[in-house]
N, C-alpha and C. Protein backbone atom coordinates (compact mmCIF):
# COMPACT_ATOMS: atom_id res chain seq x y z
N MET A 1 0.85 -1.16 0.00
CA MET A 1 0.00 0.00 0.00
C MET A 1 0.90 1.23 0.00
N HIS A 2 0.58 2.19 -0.76
CA HIS A 2 1.35 3.41 -0.84
C HIS A 2 0.98 4.34 0.29
N PRO A 3 1.96 5.18 0.75
CA PRO A 3 1.62 6.14 1.80
C PRO A 3 0.43 6.99 1.37
N GLY A 4 -0.42 7.26 2.31
CA GLY A 4 -1.59 8.10 2.02
C GLY A 4 -2.82 7.29 1.66
N HIS A 5 -2.66 6.01 1.30
CA HIS A 5 -3.83 5.19 1.01
C HIS A 5 -4.41 4.68 2.32
N HIS A 6 -5.65 4.50 2.35
CA HIS A 6 -6.33 4.00 3.53
C HIS A 6 -7.00 2.68 3.18
N LEU A 7 -7.20 1.86 4.20
CA LEU A 7 -7.80 0.54 3.95
C LEU A 7 -9.15 0.66 3.26
N HIS A 8 -9.93 1.64 3.65
CA HIS A 8 -11.26 1.75 3.06
C HIS A 8 -11.20 2.16 1.59
N SER A 9 -10.05 2.64 1.12
CA SER A 9 -9.96 3.04 -0.28
C SER A 9 -9.41 1.92 -1.18
N LEU A 10 -9.10 0.77 -0.59
CA LEU A 10 -8.61 -0.34 -1.39
C LEU A 10 -9.76 -0.96 -2.18
N PRO A 11 -9.46 -1.47 -3.36
CA PRO A 11 -10.52 -2.15 -4.10
C PRO A 11 -10.94 -3.41 -3.35
N SER A 12 -12.16 -3.84 -3.56
CA SER A 12 -12.62 -5.05 -2.87
C SER A 12 -11.82 -6.25 -3.36
N MET A 13 -11.59 -7.18 -2.45
CA MET A 13 -10.82 -8.37 -2.78
C MET A 13 -11.74 -9.58 -2.80
N SER A 14 -11.46 -10.48 -3.70
CA SER A 14 -12.26 -11.69 -3.77
C SER A 14 -11.95 -12.58 -2.57
N PRO A 15 -12.89 -13.40 -2.15
CA PRO A 15 -12.64 -14.31 -1.03
C PRO A 15 -11.45 -15.22 -1.27
N SER A 16 -11.21 -15.64 -2.53
CA SER A 16 -10.07 -16.52 -2.79
C SER A 16 -8.75 -15.77 -2.58
N LEU A 17 -8.72 -14.50 -2.93
CA LEU A 17 -7.52 -13.70 -2.71
C LEU A 17 -7.29 -13.49 -1.22
N LEU A 18 -8.35 -13.21 -0.50
CA LEU A 18 -8.24 -13.02 0.95
C LEU A 18 -7.77 -14.30 1.64
N SER A 19 -8.19 -15.46 1.16
CA SER A 19 -7.77 -16.71 1.79
C SER A 19 -6.28 -16.97 1.60
N LYS A 20 -5.67 -16.34 0.59
CA LYS A 20 -4.24 -16.51 0.35
C LYS A 20 -3.40 -15.52 1.16
N LEU A 21 -4.04 -14.52 1.72
CA LEU A 21 -3.34 -13.51 2.51
C LEU A 21 -2.74 -14.16 3.75
N ARG A 22 -1.43 -13.99 3.94
CA ARG A 22 -0.76 -14.63 5.06
C ARG A 22 -0.19 -13.65 6.07
N LEU A 23 0.13 -12.45 5.61
CA LEU A 23 0.78 -11.50 6.49
C LEU A 23 0.46 -10.08 6.06
N VAL A 24 0.18 -9.24 7.02
CA VAL A 24 -0.01 -7.81 6.77
C VAL A 24 0.92 -7.09 7.73
N THR A 25 1.76 -6.20 7.19
CA THR A 25 2.62 -5.40 8.05
C THR A 25 2.17 -3.95 7.97
N VAL A 26 2.36 -3.24 9.06
CA VAL A 26 1.94 -1.86 9.14
C VAL A 26 3.08 -1.05 9.75
N ASP A 27 3.45 0.03 9.10
CA ASP A 27 4.47 0.92 9.64
C ASP A 27 3.76 1.93 10.52
N VAL A 28 3.98 1.84 11.82
CA VAL A 28 3.28 2.72 12.76
C VAL A 28 4.14 3.87 13.24
N THR A 29 5.43 3.86 12.88
CA THR A 29 6.33 4.91 13.34
C THR A 29 5.94 6.24 12.72
N GLY A 30 5.76 7.21 13.57
CA GLY A 30 5.36 8.54 13.12
C GLY A 30 3.86 8.71 13.03
N THR A 31 3.12 7.62 13.21
CA THR A 31 1.66 7.72 13.20
C THR A 31 1.11 7.30 14.56
N LEU A 32 1.29 6.04 14.92
CA LEU A 32 0.82 5.56 16.22
C LEU A 32 1.89 5.65 17.30
N ILE A 33 3.15 5.57 16.89
CA ILE A 33 4.27 5.63 17.81
C ILE A 33 5.16 6.80 17.42
N ALA A 34 5.49 7.62 18.36
CA ALA A 34 6.39 8.74 18.10
C ALA A 34 7.58 8.65 19.04
N TYR A 35 8.75 8.94 18.52
CA TYR A 35 9.97 8.95 19.32
C TYR A 35 10.32 10.38 19.67
N ARG A 36 10.90 10.56 20.83
CA ARG A 36 11.53 11.83 21.16
C ARG A 36 12.99 11.67 20.83
N GLY A 37 13.51 12.55 20.02
CA GLY A 37 14.90 12.41 19.61
C GLY A 37 14.98 11.51 18.38
N GLN A 38 16.15 10.90 18.22
CA GLN A 38 16.38 10.05 17.06
C GLN A 38 16.61 8.62 17.52
N LEU A 39 16.45 7.67 16.62
CA LEU A 39 16.64 6.27 16.99
C LEU A 39 18.06 6.00 17.45
N GLY A 40 19.03 6.74 16.92
CA GLY A 40 20.41 6.58 17.38
C GLY A 40 20.54 6.87 18.87
N ASP A 41 19.72 7.80 19.37
CA ASP A 41 19.72 8.10 20.81
C ASP A 41 19.33 6.86 21.61
N TYR A 42 18.31 6.15 21.15
CA TYR A 42 17.83 4.97 21.86
C TYR A 42 18.85 3.84 21.79
N CYS A 43 19.50 3.68 20.64
CA CYS A 43 20.54 2.65 20.51
C CYS A 43 21.69 2.95 21.47
N CYS A 44 22.10 4.21 21.52
CA CYS A 44 23.20 4.60 22.40
C CYS A 44 22.82 4.45 23.87
N MET A 45 21.61 4.83 24.24
CA MET A 45 21.18 4.67 25.63
C MET A 45 21.17 3.20 26.02
N ALA A 46 20.71 2.34 25.12
CA ALA A 46 20.70 0.90 25.40
C ALA A 46 22.12 0.37 25.55
N ALA A 47 23.02 0.82 24.67
CA ALA A 47 24.42 0.37 24.75
C ALA A 47 25.03 0.81 26.08
N LYS A 48 24.82 2.06 26.44
CA LYS A 48 25.38 2.58 27.69
C LYS A 48 24.81 1.85 28.90
N SER A 49 23.52 1.52 28.87
CA SER A 49 22.92 0.81 30.01
C SER A 49 23.48 -0.61 30.13
N ALA A 50 24.03 -1.14 29.03
CA ALA A 50 24.65 -2.47 29.04
C ALA A 50 26.16 -2.37 29.30
N GLY A 51 26.64 -1.14 29.59
CA GLY A 51 28.05 -0.97 29.89
C GLY A 51 28.93 -0.82 28.66
N MET A 52 28.33 -0.60 27.51
CA MET A 52 29.09 -0.45 26.27
C MET A 52 29.18 1.03 25.92
N PRO A 53 30.25 1.42 25.22
CA PRO A 53 30.37 2.82 24.82
C PRO A 53 29.48 3.14 23.62
N CYS A 54 29.14 4.38 23.50
CA CYS A 54 28.43 4.86 22.31
C CYS A 54 29.37 5.81 21.60
N PRO A 55 29.77 5.49 20.39
CA PRO A 55 30.75 6.32 19.70
C PRO A 55 30.25 7.74 19.40
N ASP A 56 29.03 7.86 18.93
CA ASP A 56 28.51 9.17 18.53
C ASP A 56 27.04 8.98 18.18
N TYR A 57 26.18 9.72 18.84
CA TYR A 57 24.74 9.55 18.65
C TYR A 57 24.33 9.75 17.19
N ALA A 58 24.82 10.80 16.56
CA ALA A 58 24.43 11.09 15.17
C ALA A 58 24.93 10.01 14.23
N ARG A 59 26.15 9.53 14.46
CA ARG A 59 26.68 8.47 13.59
C ARG A 59 25.93 7.16 13.77
N VAL A 60 25.55 6.86 15.02
CA VAL A 60 24.77 5.64 15.26
C VAL A 60 23.41 5.76 14.58
N HIS A 61 22.82 6.95 14.61
CA HIS A 61 21.54 7.15 13.93
C HIS A 61 21.69 6.88 12.43
N GLN A 62 22.74 7.43 11.82
CA GLN A 62 22.98 7.18 10.39
C GLN A 62 23.25 5.71 10.13
N GLY A 63 24.04 5.09 11.02
CA GLY A 63 24.30 3.66 10.89
C GLY A 63 23.04 2.83 10.99
N PHE A 64 22.12 3.27 11.88
CA PHE A 64 20.86 2.55 12.02
C PHE A 64 20.05 2.64 10.73
N LYS A 65 19.99 3.82 10.13
CA LYS A 65 19.23 3.96 8.89
C LYS A 65 19.79 3.05 7.80
N LEU A 66 21.11 2.97 7.70
CA LEU A 66 21.74 2.09 6.70
C LEU A 66 21.50 0.62 7.03
N ALA A 67 21.66 0.27 8.31
CA ALA A 67 21.47 -1.12 8.72
C ALA A 67 20.01 -1.56 8.51
N TYR A 68 19.07 -0.67 8.83
CA TYR A 68 17.65 -0.98 8.65
C TYR A 68 17.35 -1.23 7.17
N ALA A 69 17.88 -0.38 6.30
CA ALA A 69 17.65 -0.55 4.86
C ALA A 69 18.25 -1.86 4.38
N GLU A 70 19.45 -2.19 4.85
CA GLU A 70 20.11 -3.43 4.43
C GLU A 70 19.36 -4.65 4.96
N MET A 71 18.93 -4.62 6.21
CA MET A 71 18.17 -5.74 6.77
C MET A 71 16.84 -5.90 6.03
N SER A 72 16.20 -4.80 5.69
CA SER A 72 14.94 -4.87 4.96
C SER A 72 15.14 -5.46 3.57
N ARG A 73 16.29 -5.19 2.99
CA ARG A 73 16.60 -5.75 1.67
C ARG A 73 16.91 -7.24 1.78
N ARG A 74 17.76 -7.60 2.75
CA ARG A 74 18.19 -9.00 2.89
C ARG A 74 17.12 -9.90 3.49
N HIS A 75 16.36 -9.36 4.44
CA HIS A 75 15.34 -10.14 5.15
C HIS A 75 14.05 -9.33 5.23
N PRO A 76 13.31 -9.21 4.11
CA PRO A 76 12.10 -8.37 4.12
C PRO A 76 11.05 -8.86 5.12
N CYS A 77 10.16 -7.96 5.42
CA CYS A 77 9.05 -8.24 6.37
C CYS A 77 9.60 -8.73 7.71
N PHE A 78 10.68 -8.09 8.14
CA PHE A 78 11.29 -8.39 9.44
C PHE A 78 11.66 -9.86 9.58
N GLY A 79 12.13 -10.45 8.47
CA GLY A 79 12.62 -11.82 8.49
C GLY A 79 11.57 -12.90 8.34
N HIS A 80 10.36 -12.53 8.00
CA HIS A 80 9.26 -13.50 7.93
C HIS A 80 9.56 -14.67 6.98
N ALA A 81 10.03 -14.38 5.78
CA ALA A 81 10.26 -15.45 4.80
C ALA A 81 11.33 -16.44 5.27
N ALA A 82 12.28 -15.97 6.06
CA ALA A 82 13.34 -16.84 6.57
C ALA A 82 12.96 -17.46 7.91
N ALA A 83 11.73 -17.26 8.34
CA ALA A 83 11.25 -17.75 9.64
C ALA A 83 12.13 -17.24 10.78
N MET A 84 12.64 -16.02 10.60
CA MET A 84 13.50 -15.39 11.60
C MET A 84 12.62 -14.71 12.65
N PRO A 85 12.84 -15.00 13.91
CA PRO A 85 12.07 -14.28 14.94
C PRO A 85 12.32 -12.77 14.82
N ASN A 86 11.28 -11.96 14.99
CA ASN A 86 11.47 -10.52 14.81
C ASN A 86 12.46 -9.94 15.80
N ALA A 87 12.57 -10.52 16.99
CA ALA A 87 13.57 -10.04 17.96
C ALA A 87 14.98 -10.25 17.41
N GLU A 88 15.21 -11.34 16.71
CA GLU A 88 16.51 -11.60 16.11
C GLU A 88 16.79 -10.60 14.99
N TRP A 89 15.75 -10.30 14.19
CA TRP A 89 15.89 -9.33 13.11
C TRP A 89 16.33 -7.98 13.68
N TRP A 90 15.67 -7.53 14.75
CA TRP A 90 16.01 -6.24 15.35
C TRP A 90 17.38 -6.29 16.00
N LYS A 91 17.72 -7.39 16.63
CA LYS A 91 19.05 -7.53 17.25
C LYS A 91 20.14 -7.37 16.20
N MET A 92 19.96 -8.04 15.06
CA MET A 92 20.94 -7.93 13.97
C MET A 92 21.00 -6.50 13.44
N CYS A 93 19.86 -5.86 13.33
CA CYS A 93 19.80 -4.49 12.82
C CYS A 93 20.57 -3.53 13.73
N VAL A 94 20.36 -3.63 15.03
CA VAL A 94 21.06 -2.75 15.97
C VAL A 94 22.55 -3.08 15.98
N ARG A 95 22.89 -4.36 15.99
CA ARG A 95 24.30 -4.76 15.95
C ARG A 95 24.98 -4.19 14.71
N ASP A 96 24.33 -4.31 13.56
CA ASP A 96 24.89 -3.79 12.31
C ASP A 96 24.99 -2.27 12.32
N SER A 97 24.11 -1.60 13.06
CA SER A 97 24.19 -0.14 13.18
C SER A 97 25.53 0.27 13.77
N PHE A 98 25.92 -0.39 14.86
CA PHE A 98 27.19 -0.08 15.51
C PHE A 98 28.36 -0.53 14.64
N ALA A 99 28.21 -1.66 13.95
CA ALA A 99 29.28 -2.14 13.07
C ALA A 99 29.54 -1.13 11.95
N MET A 100 28.51 -0.53 11.42
CA MET A 100 28.67 0.46 10.35
C MET A 100 29.38 1.71 10.86
N VAL A 101 29.14 2.08 12.10
CA VAL A 101 29.82 3.23 12.69
C VAL A 101 31.31 2.91 12.85
N ARG A 102 31.63 1.71 13.35
CA ARG A 102 33.03 1.31 13.49
C ARG A 102 33.73 1.26 12.14
N GLN A 103 33.04 0.70 11.15
CA GLN A 103 33.61 0.61 9.80
C GLN A 103 33.88 1.99 9.22
N ALA A 104 32.95 2.91 9.39
CA ALA A 104 33.12 4.28 8.88
C ALA A 104 34.28 4.97 9.59
N ALA A 105 34.44 4.71 10.90
CA ALA A 105 35.54 5.34 11.64
C ALA A 105 36.88 4.80 11.17
N ARG A 106 36.96 3.50 10.88
CA ARG A 106 38.21 2.92 10.37
C ARG A 106 38.53 3.47 8.98
N SER A 107 37.51 3.64 8.16
CA SER A 107 37.71 4.16 6.81
C SER A 107 38.18 5.61 6.82
N ALA A 108 37.76 6.36 7.83
CA ALA A 108 38.11 7.78 7.91
C ALA A 108 39.56 8.00 8.32
N LYS A 109 40.19 6.97 8.90
CA LYS A 109 41.58 7.10 9.37
C LYS A 109 42.57 6.95 8.25
């Protein structure tokens, strides 16, 4: 569904098509759920609470955006097709966020 479309504006579906429907995902960020700050802030706070350093909030945020895009490409629908638990999908995404920051820092040297 494209942004701006609403369920009530979808064309009617035949019962046979509906019976084949297996999964519906909904992006609620910015609509039902709002963050204060950036996602990099939350990743850094979680790292710090686990006793790990946070290299840079803005860089972690950028790393998260890249990692999220890559995970969505490699394992769409939060890993559904690979039968990956969604918690594992998110764990890999956050881990890759920090890995991208480390990689960028090494490249800058």
